[in-house]
mmCIF file of all heavy atoms, coordinates in Angstrom:
data_MODEL
# 
_entry.id   MODEL 
# 
loop_
_atom_site.group_PDB 
_atom_site.id 
_atom_site.type_symbol 
_atom_site.label_atom_id 
_atom_site.label_alt_id 
_atom_site.label_comp_id 
_atom_site.label_asym_id 
_atom_site.label_entity_id 
_atom_site.label_seq_id 
_atom_site.pdbx_PDB_ins_code 
_atom_site.Cartn_x 
_atom_site.Cartn_y 
_atom_site.Cartn_z 
_atom_site.occupancy 
_atom_site.B_iso_or_equiv 
_atom_site.pdbx_formal_charge 
_atom_site.auth_seq_id 
_atom_site.auth_comp_id 
_atom_site.auth_asym_id 
_atom_site.auth_atom_id 
_atom_site.pdbx_PDB_model_num 
ATOM 1   N N   . ASP A 1 1  ? 0.221   -11.388 -2.005  1.00 0.00 ? 1  ASP A N   1 
ATOM 2   C CA  . ASP A 1 1  ? 0.637   -12.747 -2.234  1.00 0.00 ? 1  ASP A CA  1 
ATOM 3   C C   . ASP A 1 1  ? 1.921   -13.111 -1.451  1.00 0.00 ? 1  ASP A C   1 
ATOM 4   O O   . ASP A 1 1  ? 2.718   -12.124 -1.147  1.00 0.00 ? 1  ASP A O   1 
ATOM 5   C CB  . ASP A 1 1  ? 0.800   -13.011 -3.748  1.00 0.00 ? 1  ASP A CB  1 
ATOM 6   C CG  . ASP A 1 1  ? -0.482  -13.046 -4.488  1.00 0.00 ? 1  ASP A CG  1 
ATOM 7   O OD1 . ASP A 1 1  ? -1.577  -13.258 -3.822  1.00 0.00 ? 1  ASP A OD1 1 
ATOM 8   O OD2 . ASP A 1 1  ? -0.506  -12.813 -5.702  1.00 0.00 ? 1  ASP A OD2 1 
ATOM 9   N N   . VAL A 1 2  ? 2.136   -14.339 -1.182  1.00 0.00 ? 2  VAL A N   1 
ATOM 10  C CA  . VAL A 1 2  ? 3.220   -14.696 -0.346  1.00 0.00 ? 2  VAL A CA  1 
ATOM 11  C C   . VAL A 1 2  ? 4.523   -14.910 -1.158  1.00 0.00 ? 2  VAL A C   1 
ATOM 12  O O   . VAL A 1 2  ? 5.595   -15.113 -0.534  1.00 0.00 ? 2  VAL A O   1 
ATOM 13  C CB  . VAL A 1 2  ? 2.871   -16.027 0.369   1.00 0.00 ? 2  VAL A CB  1 
ATOM 14  C CG1 . VAL A 1 2  ? 2.983   -17.233 -0.562  1.00 0.00 ? 2  VAL A CG1 1 
ATOM 15  C CG2 . VAL A 1 2  ? 3.736   -16.252 1.601   1.00 0.00 ? 2  VAL A CG2 1 
ATOM 16  N N   . ASP A 1 3  ? 4.519   -14.847 -2.442  1.00 0.00 ? 3  ASP A N   1 
ATOM 17  C CA  . ASP A 1 3  ? 5.710   -15.151 -3.264  1.00 0.00 ? 3  ASP A CA  1 
ATOM 18  C C   . ASP A 1 3  ? 6.799   -14.024 -3.264  1.00 0.00 ? 3  ASP A C   1 
ATOM 19  O O   . ASP A 1 3  ? 7.828   -14.124 -3.839  1.00 0.00 ? 3  ASP A O   1 
ATOM 20  C CB  . ASP A 1 3  ? 5.343   -15.460 -4.685  1.00 0.00 ? 3  ASP A CB  1 
ATOM 21  C CG  . ASP A 1 3  ? 4.465   -14.345 -5.335  1.00 0.00 ? 3  ASP A CG  1 
ATOM 22  O OD1 . ASP A 1 3  ? 4.510   -13.219 -4.790  1.00 0.00 ? 3  ASP A OD1 1 
ATOM 23  O OD2 . ASP A 1 3  ? 3.819   -14.584 -6.364  1.00 0.00 ? 3  ASP A OD2 1 
ATOM 24  N N   . LEU A 1 4  ? 6.530   -12.854 -2.616  1.00 0.00 ? 4  LEU A N   1 
ATOM 25  C CA  . LEU A 1 4  ? 7.444   -11.727 -2.551  1.00 0.00 ? 4  LEU A CA  1 
ATOM 26  C C   . LEU A 1 4  ? 7.658   -11.065 -3.862  1.00 0.00 ? 4  LEU A C   1 
ATOM 27  O O   . LEU A 1 4  ? 8.633   -10.284 -3.994  1.00 0.00 ? 4  LEU A O   1 
ATOM 28  C CB  . LEU A 1 4  ? 8.764   -12.173 -1.846  1.00 0.00 ? 4  LEU A CB  1 
ATOM 29  C CG  . LEU A 1 4  ? 8.724   -12.489 -0.382  1.00 0.00 ? 4  LEU A CG  1 
ATOM 30  C CD1 . LEU A 1 4  ? 10.026  -12.986 0.131   1.00 0.00 ? 4  LEU A CD1 1 
ATOM 31  C CD2 . LEU A 1 4  ? 8.222   -11.273 0.421   1.00 0.00 ? 4  LEU A CD2 1 
ATOM 32  N N   . GLN A 1 5  ? 6.878   -11.340 -4.875  1.00 0.00 ? 5  GLN A N   1 
ATOM 33  C CA  . GLN A 1 5  ? 7.002   -10.516 -6.118  1.00 0.00 ? 5  GLN A CA  1 
ATOM 34  C C   . GLN A 1 5  ? 6.440   -9.105  -5.842  1.00 0.00 ? 5  GLN A C   1 
ATOM 35  O O   . GLN A 1 5  ? 6.838   -8.200  -6.569  1.00 0.00 ? 5  GLN A O   1 
ATOM 36  C CB  . GLN A 1 5  ? 6.273   -11.230 -7.234  1.00 0.00 ? 5  GLN A CB  1 
ATOM 37  C CG  . GLN A 1 5  ? 6.994   -12.478 -7.719  1.00 0.00 ? 5  GLN A CG  1 
ATOM 38  C CD  . GLN A 1 5  ? 6.327   -13.046 -8.995  1.00 0.00 ? 5  GLN A CD  1 
ATOM 39  O OE1 . GLN A 1 5  ? 5.301   -13.688 -8.999  1.00 0.00 ? 5  GLN A OE1 1 
ATOM 40  N NE2 . GLN A 1 5  ? 7.030   -12.770 -10.100 1.00 0.00 ? 5  GLN A NE2 1 
ATOM 41  N N   . ASP A 1 6  ? 5.530   -9.004  -4.956  1.00 0.00 ? 6  ASP A N   1 
ATOM 42  C CA  . ASP A 1 6  ? 5.017   -7.719  -4.529  1.00 0.00 ? 6  ASP A CA  1 
ATOM 43  C C   . ASP A 1 6  ? 5.725   -7.357  -3.248  1.00 0.00 ? 6  ASP A C   1 
ATOM 44  O O   . ASP A 1 6  ? 5.555   -7.969  -2.199  1.00 0.00 ? 6  ASP A O   1 
ATOM 45  C CB  . ASP A 1 6  ? 3.490   -7.750  -4.282  1.00 0.00 ? 6  ASP A CB  1 
ATOM 46  C CG  . ASP A 1 6  ? 2.734   -8.214  -5.468  1.00 0.00 ? 6  ASP A CG  1 
ATOM 47  O OD1 . ASP A 1 6  ? 3.191   -7.909  -6.659  1.00 0.00 ? 6  ASP A OD1 1 
ATOM 48  O OD2 . ASP A 1 6  ? 1.720   -8.853  -5.364  1.00 0.00 ? 6  ASP A OD2 1 
ATOM 49  N N   . PRO A 1 7  ? 6.554   -6.267  -3.246  1.00 0.00 ? 7  PRO A N   1 
ATOM 50  C CA  . PRO A 1 7  ? 7.431   -5.989  -2.099  1.00 0.00 ? 7  PRO A CA  1 
ATOM 51  C C   . PRO A 1 7  ? 6.605   -5.546  -0.857  1.00 0.00 ? 7  PRO A C   1 
ATOM 52  O O   . PRO A 1 7  ? 5.876   -4.543  -1.010  1.00 0.00 ? 7  PRO A O   1 
ATOM 53  C CB  . PRO A 1 7  ? 8.373   -4.927  -2.581  1.00 0.00 ? 7  PRO A CB  1 
ATOM 54  C CG  . PRO A 1 7  ? 7.696   -4.338  -3.809  1.00 0.00 ? 7  PRO A CG  1 
ATOM 55  C CD  . PRO A 1 7  ? 6.871   -5.405  -4.391  1.00 0.00 ? 7  PRO A CD  1 
ATOM 56  N N   . PRO A 1 8  ? 6.743   -6.097  0.307   1.00 0.00 ? 8  PRO A N   1 
ATOM 57  C CA  . PRO A 1 8  ? 5.997   -5.655  1.441   1.00 0.00 ? 8  PRO A CA  1 
ATOM 58  C C   . PRO A 1 8  ? 6.347   -4.225  1.861   1.00 0.00 ? 8  PRO A C   1 
ATOM 59  O O   . PRO A 1 8  ? 5.589   -3.586  2.541   1.00 0.00 ? 8  PRO A O   1 
ATOM 60  C CB  . PRO A 1 8  ? 6.431   -6.644  2.559   1.00 0.00 ? 8  PRO A CB  1 
ATOM 61  C CG  . PRO A 1 8  ? 6.911   -7.876  1.820   1.00 0.00 ? 8  PRO A CG  1 
ATOM 62  C CD  . PRO A 1 8  ? 7.530   -7.341  0.563   1.00 0.00 ? 8  PRO A CD  1 
ATOM 63  N N   . GLU A 1 9  ? 7.517   -3.751  1.519   1.00 0.00 ? 9  GLU A N   1 
ATOM 64  C CA  . GLU A 1 9  ? 7.984   -2.406  1.924   1.00 0.00 ? 9  GLU A CA  1 
ATOM 65  C C   . GLU A 1 9  ? 7.028   -1.302  1.318   1.00 0.00 ? 9  GLU A C   1 
ATOM 66  O O   . GLU A 1 9  ? 6.996   -0.155  1.886   1.00 0.00 ? 9  GLU A O   1 
ATOM 67  C CB  . GLU A 1 9  ? 9.356   -2.114  1.457   1.00 0.00 ? 9  GLU A CB  1 
ATOM 68  C CG  . GLU A 1 9  ? 10.446  -3.002  2.148   1.00 0.00 ? 9  GLU A CG  1 
ATOM 69  C CD  . GLU A 1 9  ? 10.509  -4.409  1.698   1.00 0.00 ? 9  GLU A CD  1 
ATOM 70  O OE1 . GLU A 1 9  ? 9.929   -4.711  0.649   1.00 0.00 ? 9  GLU A OE1 1 
ATOM 71  O OE2 . GLU A 1 9  ? 11.222  -5.198  2.313   1.00 0.00 ? 9  GLU A OE2 1 
ATOM 72  N N   . VAL A 1 10 ? 6.242   -1.636  0.344   1.00 0.00 ? 10 VAL A N   1 
ATOM 73  C CA  . VAL A 1 10 ? 5.336   -0.677  -0.268  1.00 0.00 ? 10 VAL A CA  1 
ATOM 74  C C   . VAL A 1 10 ? 4.122   -0.452  0.623   1.00 0.00 ? 10 VAL A C   1 
ATOM 75  O O   . VAL A 1 10 ? 3.408   0.589   0.482   1.00 0.00 ? 10 VAL A O   1 
ATOM 76  C CB  . VAL A 1 10 ? 4.906   -1.148  -1.686  1.00 0.00 ? 10 VAL A CB  1 
ATOM 77  C CG1 . VAL A 1 10 ? 3.966   -0.215  -2.376  1.00 0.00 ? 10 VAL A CG1 1 
ATOM 78  C CG2 . VAL A 1 10 ? 6.114   -1.322  -2.526  1.00 0.00 ? 10 VAL A CG2 1 
ATOM 79  N N   . ILE A 1 11 ? 3.835   -1.323  1.575   1.00 0.00 ? 11 ILE A N   1 
ATOM 80  C CA  . ILE A 1 11 ? 2.660   -1.230  2.422   1.00 0.00 ? 11 ILE A CA  1 
ATOM 81  C C   . ILE A 1 11 ? 2.686   0.140   3.173   1.00 0.00 ? 11 ILE A C   1 
ATOM 82  O O   . ILE A 1 11 ? 1.582   0.791   3.326   1.00 0.00 ? 11 ILE A O   1 
ATOM 83  C CB  . ILE A 1 11 ? 2.565   -2.413  3.382   1.00 0.00 ? 11 ILE A CB  1 
ATOM 84  C CG1 . ILE A 1 11 ? 2.400   -3.684  2.608   1.00 0.00 ? 11 ILE A CG1 1 
ATOM 85  C CG2 . ILE A 1 11 ? 1.490   -2.214  4.407   1.00 0.00 ? 11 ILE A CG2 1 
ATOM 86  C CD1 . ILE A 1 11 ? 2.494   -4.930  3.419   1.00 0.00 ? 11 ILE A CD1 1 
ATOM 87  N N   . ALA A 1 12 ? 3.875   0.554   3.643   1.00 0.00 ? 12 ALA A N   1 
ATOM 88  C CA  . ALA A 1 12 ? 3.855   1.838   4.411   1.00 0.00 ? 12 ALA A CA  1 
ATOM 89  C C   . ALA A 1 12 ? 3.467   2.998   3.486   1.00 0.00 ? 12 ALA A C   1 
ATOM 90  O O   . ALA A 1 12 ? 2.759   3.913   3.936   1.00 0.00 ? 12 ALA A O   1 
ATOM 91  C CB  . ALA A 1 12 ? 5.306   2.039   4.873   1.00 0.00 ? 12 ALA A CB  1 
ATOM 92  N N   . ASP A 1 13 ? 3.891   2.968   2.233   1.00 0.00 ? 13 ASP A N   1 
ATOM 93  C CA  . ASP A 1 13 ? 3.462   4.053   1.318   1.00 0.00 ? 13 ASP A CA  1 
ATOM 94  C C   . ASP A 1 13 ? 1.986   4.026   1.039   1.00 0.00 ? 13 ASP A C   1 
ATOM 95  O O   . ASP A 1 13 ? 1.305   5.073   0.962   1.00 0.00 ? 13 ASP A O   1 
ATOM 96  C CB  . ASP A 1 13 ? 4.218   3.901   -0.038  1.00 0.00 ? 13 ASP A CB  1 
ATOM 97  C CG  . ASP A 1 13 ? 5.746   3.985   0.192   1.00 0.00 ? 13 ASP A CG  1 
ATOM 98  O OD1 . ASP A 1 13 ? 6.186   4.754   1.094   1.00 0.00 ? 13 ASP A OD1 1 
ATOM 99  O OD2 . ASP A 1 13 ? 6.527   3.424   -0.620  1.00 0.00 ? 13 ASP A OD2 1 
ATOM 100 N N   . MET A 1 14 ? 1.409   2.806   0.982   1.00 0.00 ? 14 MET A N   1 
ATOM 101 C CA  . MET A 1 14 ? -0.028  2.687   0.771   1.00 0.00 ? 14 MET A CA  1 
ATOM 102 C C   . MET A 1 14 ? -0.798  3.323   1.897   1.00 0.00 ? 14 MET A C   1 
ATOM 103 O O   . MET A 1 14 ? -1.769  4.070   1.728   1.00 0.00 ? 14 MET A O   1 
ATOM 104 C CB  . MET A 1 14 ? -0.429  1.177   0.534   1.00 0.00 ? 14 MET A CB  1 
ATOM 105 C CG  . MET A 1 14 ? 0.047   0.536   -0.674  1.00 0.00 ? 14 MET A CG  1 
ATOM 106 S SD  . MET A 1 14 ? -0.426  -1.172  -0.765  1.00 0.00 ? 14 MET A SD  1 
ATOM 107 C CE  . MET A 1 14 ? -0.300  -1.583  -2.501  1.00 0.00 ? 14 MET A CE  1 
ATOM 108 N N   . LEU A 1 15 ? -0.353  2.903   3.130   1.00 0.00 ? 15 LEU A N   1 
ATOM 109 C CA  . LEU A 1 15 ? -1.072  3.420   4.336   1.00 0.00 ? 15 LEU A CA  1 
ATOM 110 C C   . LEU A 1 15 ? -0.909  4.964   4.457   1.00 0.00 ? 15 LEU A C   1 
ATOM 111 O O   . LEU A 1 15 ? -1.933  5.628   4.801   1.00 0.00 ? 15 LEU A O   1 
ATOM 112 C CB  . LEU A 1 15 ? -0.492  2.744   5.566   1.00 0.00 ? 15 LEU A CB  1 
ATOM 113 C CG  . LEU A 1 15 ? -1.171  3.049   6.912   1.00 0.00 ? 15 LEU A CG  1 
ATOM 114 C CD1 . LEU A 1 15 ? -2.675  2.664   6.858   1.00 0.00 ? 15 LEU A CD1 1 
ATOM 115 C CD2 . LEU A 1 15 ? -0.493  2.349   8.046   1.00 0.00 ? 15 LEU A CD2 1 
ATOM 116 N N   . ASP A 1 16 ? 0.257   5.467   4.136   1.00 0.00 ? 16 ASP A N   1 
ATOM 117 C CA  . ASP A 1 16 ? 0.423   6.921   4.280   1.00 0.00 ? 16 ASP A CA  1 
ATOM 118 C C   . ASP A 1 16 ? -0.461  7.655   3.263   1.00 0.00 ? 16 ASP A C   1 
ATOM 119 O O   . ASP A 1 16 ? -1.114  8.643   3.558   1.00 0.00 ? 16 ASP A O   1 
ATOM 120 C CB  . ASP A 1 16 ? 1.879   7.269   3.972   1.00 0.00 ? 16 ASP A CB  1 
ATOM 121 C CG  . ASP A 1 16 ? 2.798   6.866   5.140   1.00 0.00 ? 16 ASP A CG  1 
ATOM 122 O OD1 . ASP A 1 16 ? 2.279   6.638   6.227   1.00 0.00 ? 16 ASP A OD1 1 
ATOM 123 O OD2 . ASP A 1 16 ? 3.980   6.758   4.915   1.00 0.00 ? 16 ASP A OD2 1 
ATOM 124 N N   . LEU A 1 17 ? -0.544  7.146   1.979   1.00 0.00 ? 17 LEU A N   1 
ATOM 125 C CA  . LEU A 1 17 ? -1.347  7.753   0.944   1.00 0.00 ? 17 LEU A CA  1 
ATOM 126 C C   . LEU A 1 17 ? -2.822  7.681   1.357   1.00 0.00 ? 17 LEU A C   1 
ATOM 127 O O   . LEU A 1 17 ? -3.569  8.663   1.136   1.00 0.00 ? 17 LEU A O   1 
ATOM 128 C CB  . LEU A 1 17 ? -1.115  7.025   -0.390  1.00 0.00 ? 17 LEU A CB  1 
ATOM 129 C CG  . LEU A 1 17 ? -1.851  7.657   -1.560  1.00 0.00 ? 17 LEU A CG  1 
ATOM 130 C CD1 . LEU A 1 17 ? -1.427  9.067   -1.859  1.00 0.00 ? 17 LEU A CD1 1 
ATOM 131 C CD2 . LEU A 1 17 ? -1.631  6.777   -2.799  1.00 0.00 ? 17 LEU A CD2 1 
ATOM 132 N N   . ALA A 1 18 ? -3.291  6.501   1.876   1.00 0.00 ? 18 ALA A N   1 
ATOM 133 C CA  . ALA A 1 18 ? -4.698  6.400   2.269   1.00 0.00 ? 18 ALA A CA  1 
ATOM 134 C C   . ALA A 1 18 ? -5.071  7.376   3.361   1.00 0.00 ? 18 ALA A C   1 
ATOM 135 O O   . ALA A 1 18 ? -6.184  7.960   3.363   1.00 0.00 ? 18 ALA A O   1 
ATOM 136 C CB  . ALA A 1 18 ? -4.997  4.943   2.698   1.00 0.00 ? 18 ALA A CB  1 
ATOM 137 N N   . ARG A 1 19 ? -4.201  7.573   4.304   1.00 0.00 ? 19 ARG A N   1 
ATOM 138 C CA  . ARG A 1 19 ? -4.469  8.460   5.441   1.00 0.00 ? 19 ARG A CA  1 
ATOM 139 C C   . ARG A 1 19 ? -4.421  9.962   4.980   1.00 0.00 ? 19 ARG A C   1 
ATOM 140 O O   . ARG A 1 19 ? -5.288  10.733  5.352   1.00 0.00 ? 19 ARG A O   1 
ATOM 141 C CB  . ARG A 1 19 ? -3.448  8.276   6.569   1.00 0.00 ? 19 ARG A CB  1 
ATOM 142 C CG  . ARG A 1 19 ? -3.707  6.984   7.369   1.00 0.00 ? 19 ARG A CG  1 
ATOM 143 C CD  . ARG A 1 19 ? -2.574  6.718   8.289   1.00 0.00 ? 19 ARG A CD  1 
ATOM 144 N NE  . ARG A 1 19 ? -2.920  5.809   9.315   1.00 0.00 ? 19 ARG A NE  1 
ATOM 145 C CZ  . ARG A 1 19 ? -2.079  5.314   10.207  1.00 0.00 ? 19 ARG A CZ  1 
ATOM 146 N NH1 . ARG A 1 19 ? -0.805  5.724   10.223  1.00 0.00 ? 19 ARG A NH1 1 
ATOM 147 N NH2 . ARG A 1 19 ? -2.431  4.468   11.157  1.00 0.00 ? 19 ARG A NH2 1 
ATOM 148 N N   . GLU A 1 20 ? -3.422  10.353  4.154   1.00 0.00 ? 20 GLU A N   1 
ATOM 149 C CA  . GLU A 1 20 ? -3.213  11.716  3.782   1.00 0.00 ? 20 GLU A CA  1 
ATOM 150 C C   . GLU A 1 20 ? -4.354  12.199  2.892   1.00 0.00 ? 20 GLU A C   1 
ATOM 151 O O   . GLU A 1 20 ? -4.863  13.293  3.019   1.00 0.00 ? 20 GLU A O   1 
ATOM 152 C CB  . GLU A 1 20 ? -1.870  11.873  3.071   1.00 0.00 ? 20 GLU A CB  1 
ATOM 153 C CG  . GLU A 1 20 ? -0.693  11.675  4.007   1.00 0.00 ? 20 GLU A CG  1 
ATOM 154 C CD  . GLU A 1 20 ? 0.602   11.648  3.243   1.00 0.00 ? 20 GLU A CD  1 
ATOM 155 O OE1 . GLU A 1 20 ? 0.551   11.838  1.989   1.00 0.00 ? 20 GLU A OE1 1 
ATOM 156 O OE2 . GLU A 1 20 ? 1.699   11.448  3.849   1.00 0.00 ? 20 GLU A OE2 1 
ATOM 157 N N   . GLU A 1 21 ? -4.765  11.288  1.948   1.00 0.00 ? 21 GLU A N   1 
ATOM 158 C CA  . GLU A 1 21 ? -5.786  11.735  0.955   1.00 0.00 ? 21 GLU A CA  1 
ATOM 159 C C   . GLU A 1 21 ? -7.146  11.152  1.267   1.00 0.00 ? 21 GLU A C   1 
ATOM 160 O O   . GLU A 1 21 ? -8.090  11.284  0.457   1.00 0.00 ? 21 GLU A O   1 
ATOM 161 C CB  . GLU A 1 21 ? -5.349  11.342  -0.425  1.00 0.00 ? 21 GLU A CB  1 
ATOM 162 C CG  . GLU A 1 21 ? -4.029  11.986  -0.810  1.00 0.00 ? 21 GLU A CG  1 
ATOM 163 C CD  . GLU A 1 21 ? -3.692  11.788  -2.300  1.00 0.00 ? 21 GLU A CD  1 
ATOM 164 O OE1 . GLU A 1 21 ? -4.610  11.374  -3.040  1.00 0.00 ? 21 GLU A OE1 1 
ATOM 165 O OE2 . GLU A 1 21 ? -2.511  12.096  -2.657  1.00 0.00 ? 21 GLU A OE2 1 
ATOM 166 N N   . ARG A 1 22 ? -7.291  10.473  2.408   1.00 0.00 ? 22 ARG A N   1 
ATOM 167 C CA  . ARG A 1 22 ? -8.550  9.895   2.839   1.00 0.00 ? 22 ARG A CA  1 
ATOM 168 C C   . ARG A 1 22 ? -9.142  9.012   1.777   1.00 0.00 ? 22 ARG A C   1 
ATOM 169 O O   . ARG A 1 22 ? -10.320 9.167   1.369   1.00 0.00 ? 22 ARG A O   1 
ATOM 170 C CB  . ARG A 1 22 ? -9.549  11.007  3.266   1.00 0.00 ? 22 ARG A CB  1 
ATOM 171 C CG  . ARG A 1 22 ? -9.018  11.932  4.307   1.00 0.00 ? 22 ARG A CG  1 
ATOM 172 C CD  . ARG A 1 22 ? -10.025 12.957  4.702   1.00 0.00 ? 22 ARG A CD  1 
ATOM 173 N NE  . ARG A 1 22 ? -11.127 12.359  5.409   1.00 0.00 ? 22 ARG A NE  1 
ATOM 174 C CZ  . ARG A 1 22 ? -12.187 13.093  5.883   1.00 0.00 ? 22 ARG A CZ  1 
ATOM 175 N NH1 . ARG A 1 22 ? -12.141 14.405  5.751   1.00 0.00 ? 22 ARG A NH1 1 
ATOM 176 N NH2 . ARG A 1 22 ? -13.204 12.453  6.480   1.00 0.00 ? 22 ARG A NH2 1 
ATOM 177 N N   . LEU A 1 23 ? -8.350  8.050   1.321   1.00 0.00 ? 23 LEU A N   1 
ATOM 178 C CA  . LEU A 1 23 ? -8.742  7.116   0.269   1.00 0.00 ? 23 LEU A CA  1 
ATOM 179 C C   . LEU A 1 23 ? -9.262  5.828   0.840   1.00 0.00 ? 23 LEU A C   1 
ATOM 180 O O   . LEU A 1 23 ? -8.768  5.382   1.935   1.00 0.00 ? 23 LEU A O   1 
ATOM 181 C CB  . LEU A 1 23 ? -7.572  6.822   -0.692  1.00 0.00 ? 23 LEU A CB  1 
ATOM 182 C CG  . LEU A 1 23 ? -6.909  8.013   -1.354  1.00 0.00 ? 23 LEU A CG  1 
ATOM 183 C CD1 . LEU A 1 23 ? -5.682  7.633   -2.137  1.00 0.00 ? 23 LEU A CD1 1 
ATOM 184 C CD2 . LEU A 1 23 ? -7.926  8.751   -2.240  1.00 0.00 ? 23 LEU A CD2 1 
ATOM 185 N N   . ASP A 1 24 ? -10.207 5.198   0.132   1.00 0.00 ? 24 ASP A N   1 
ATOM 186 C CA  . ASP A 1 24 ? -10.720 3.888   0.582   1.00 0.00 ? 24 ASP A CA  1 
ATOM 187 C C   . ASP A 1 24 ? -9.956  2.759   -0.165  1.00 0.00 ? 24 ASP A C   1 
ATOM 188 O O   . ASP A 1 24 ? -9.997  1.602   0.343   1.00 0.00 ? 24 ASP A O   1 
ATOM 189 C CB  . ASP A 1 24 ? -12.212 3.779   0.238   1.00 0.00 ? 24 ASP A CB  1 
ATOM 190 C CG  . ASP A 1 24 ? -13.044 4.611   1.159   1.00 0.00 ? 24 ASP A CG  1 
ATOM 191 O OD1 . ASP A 1 24 ? -12.908 4.466   2.385   1.00 0.00 ? 24 ASP A OD1 1 
ATOM 192 O OD2 . ASP A 1 24 ? -13.820 5.506   0.657   1.00 0.00 ? 24 ASP A OD2 1 
ATOM 193 N N   . VAL A 1 25 ? -9.291  3.016   -1.230  1.00 0.00 ? 25 VAL A N   1 
ATOM 194 C CA  . VAL A 1 25 ? -8.633  1.971   -1.995  1.00 0.00 ? 25 VAL A CA  1 
ATOM 195 C C   . VAL A 1 25 ? -7.275  2.560   -2.446  1.00 0.00 ? 25 VAL A C   1 
ATOM 196 O O   . VAL A 1 25 ? -7.193  3.657   -3.004  1.00 0.00 ? 25 VAL A O   1 
ATOM 197 C CB  . VAL A 1 25 ? -9.429  1.509   -3.237  1.00 0.00 ? 25 VAL A CB  1 
ATOM 198 C CG1 . VAL A 1 25 ? -8.653  0.392   -3.962  1.00 0.00 ? 25 VAL A CG1 1 
ATOM 199 C CG2 . VAL A 1 25 ? -10.798 0.991   -2.823  1.00 0.00 ? 25 VAL A CG2 1 
ATOM 200 N N   . VAL A 1 26 ? -6.209  1.823   -2.265  1.00 0.00 ? 26 VAL A N   1 
ATOM 201 C CA  . VAL A 1 26 ? -4.906  2.158   -2.850  1.00 0.00 ? 26 VAL A CA  1 
ATOM 202 C C   . VAL A 1 26 ? -4.350  0.897   -3.568  1.00 0.00 ? 26 VAL A C   1 
ATOM 203 O O   . VAL A 1 26 ? -4.098  -0.153  -2.995  1.00 0.00 ? 26 VAL A O   1 
ATOM 204 C CB  . VAL A 1 26 ? -3.888  2.592   -1.775  1.00 0.00 ? 26 VAL A CB  1 
ATOM 205 C CG1 . VAL A 1 26 ? -2.536  2.896   -2.439  1.00 0.00 ? 26 VAL A CG1 1 
ATOM 206 C CG2 . VAL A 1 26 ? -4.415  3.769   -1.005  1.00 0.00 ? 26 VAL A CG2 1 
ATOM 207 N N   . HIS A 1 27 ? -4.231  1.012   -4.879  1.00 0.00 ? 27 HIS A N   1 
ATOM 208 C CA  . HIS A 1 27 ? -3.786  -0.078  -5.694  1.00 0.00 ? 27 HIS A CA  1 
ATOM 209 C C   . HIS A 1 27 ? -2.231  -0.036  -5.825  1.00 0.00 ? 27 HIS A C   1 
ATOM 210 O O   . HIS A 1 27 ? -1.619  1.015   -5.971  1.00 0.00 ? 27 HIS A O   1 
ATOM 211 C CB  . HIS A 1 27 ? -4.336  0.025   -7.133  1.00 0.00 ? 27 HIS A CB  1 
ATOM 212 C CG  . HIS A 1 27 ? -5.843  -0.042  -7.209  1.00 0.00 ? 27 HIS A CG  1 
ATOM 213 N ND1 . HIS A 1 27 ? -6.547  -1.231  -7.146  1.00 0.00 ? 27 HIS A ND1 1 
ATOM 214 C CD2 . HIS A 1 27 ? -6.754  0.947   -7.355  1.00 0.00 ? 27 HIS A CD2 1 
ATOM 215 C CE1 . HIS A 1 27 ? -7.834  -0.925  -7.239  1.00 0.00 ? 27 HIS A CE1 1 
ATOM 216 N NE2 . HIS A 1 27 ? -7.918  0.354   -7.358  1.00 0.00 ? 27 HIS A NE2 1 
ATOM 217 N N   . GLY A 1 28 ? -1.642  -1.243  -5.725  1.00 0.00 ? 28 GLY A N   1 
ATOM 218 C CA  . GLY A 1 28 ? -0.233  -1.421  -6.038  1.00 0.00 ? 28 GLY A CA  1 
ATOM 219 C C   . GLY A 1 28 ? -0.122  -1.629  -7.559  1.00 0.00 ? 28 GLY A C   1 
ATOM 220 O O   . GLY A 1 28 ? -0.705  -2.646  -8.042  1.00 0.00 ? 28 GLY A O   1 
# 
């Protein structure tokens, strides 16, 4: 969402986790 209540900085952690563990979904 655009309201910045969900911090965009977490996106890097999501991408790293998806690549390392070969995940199809990463929930914030």
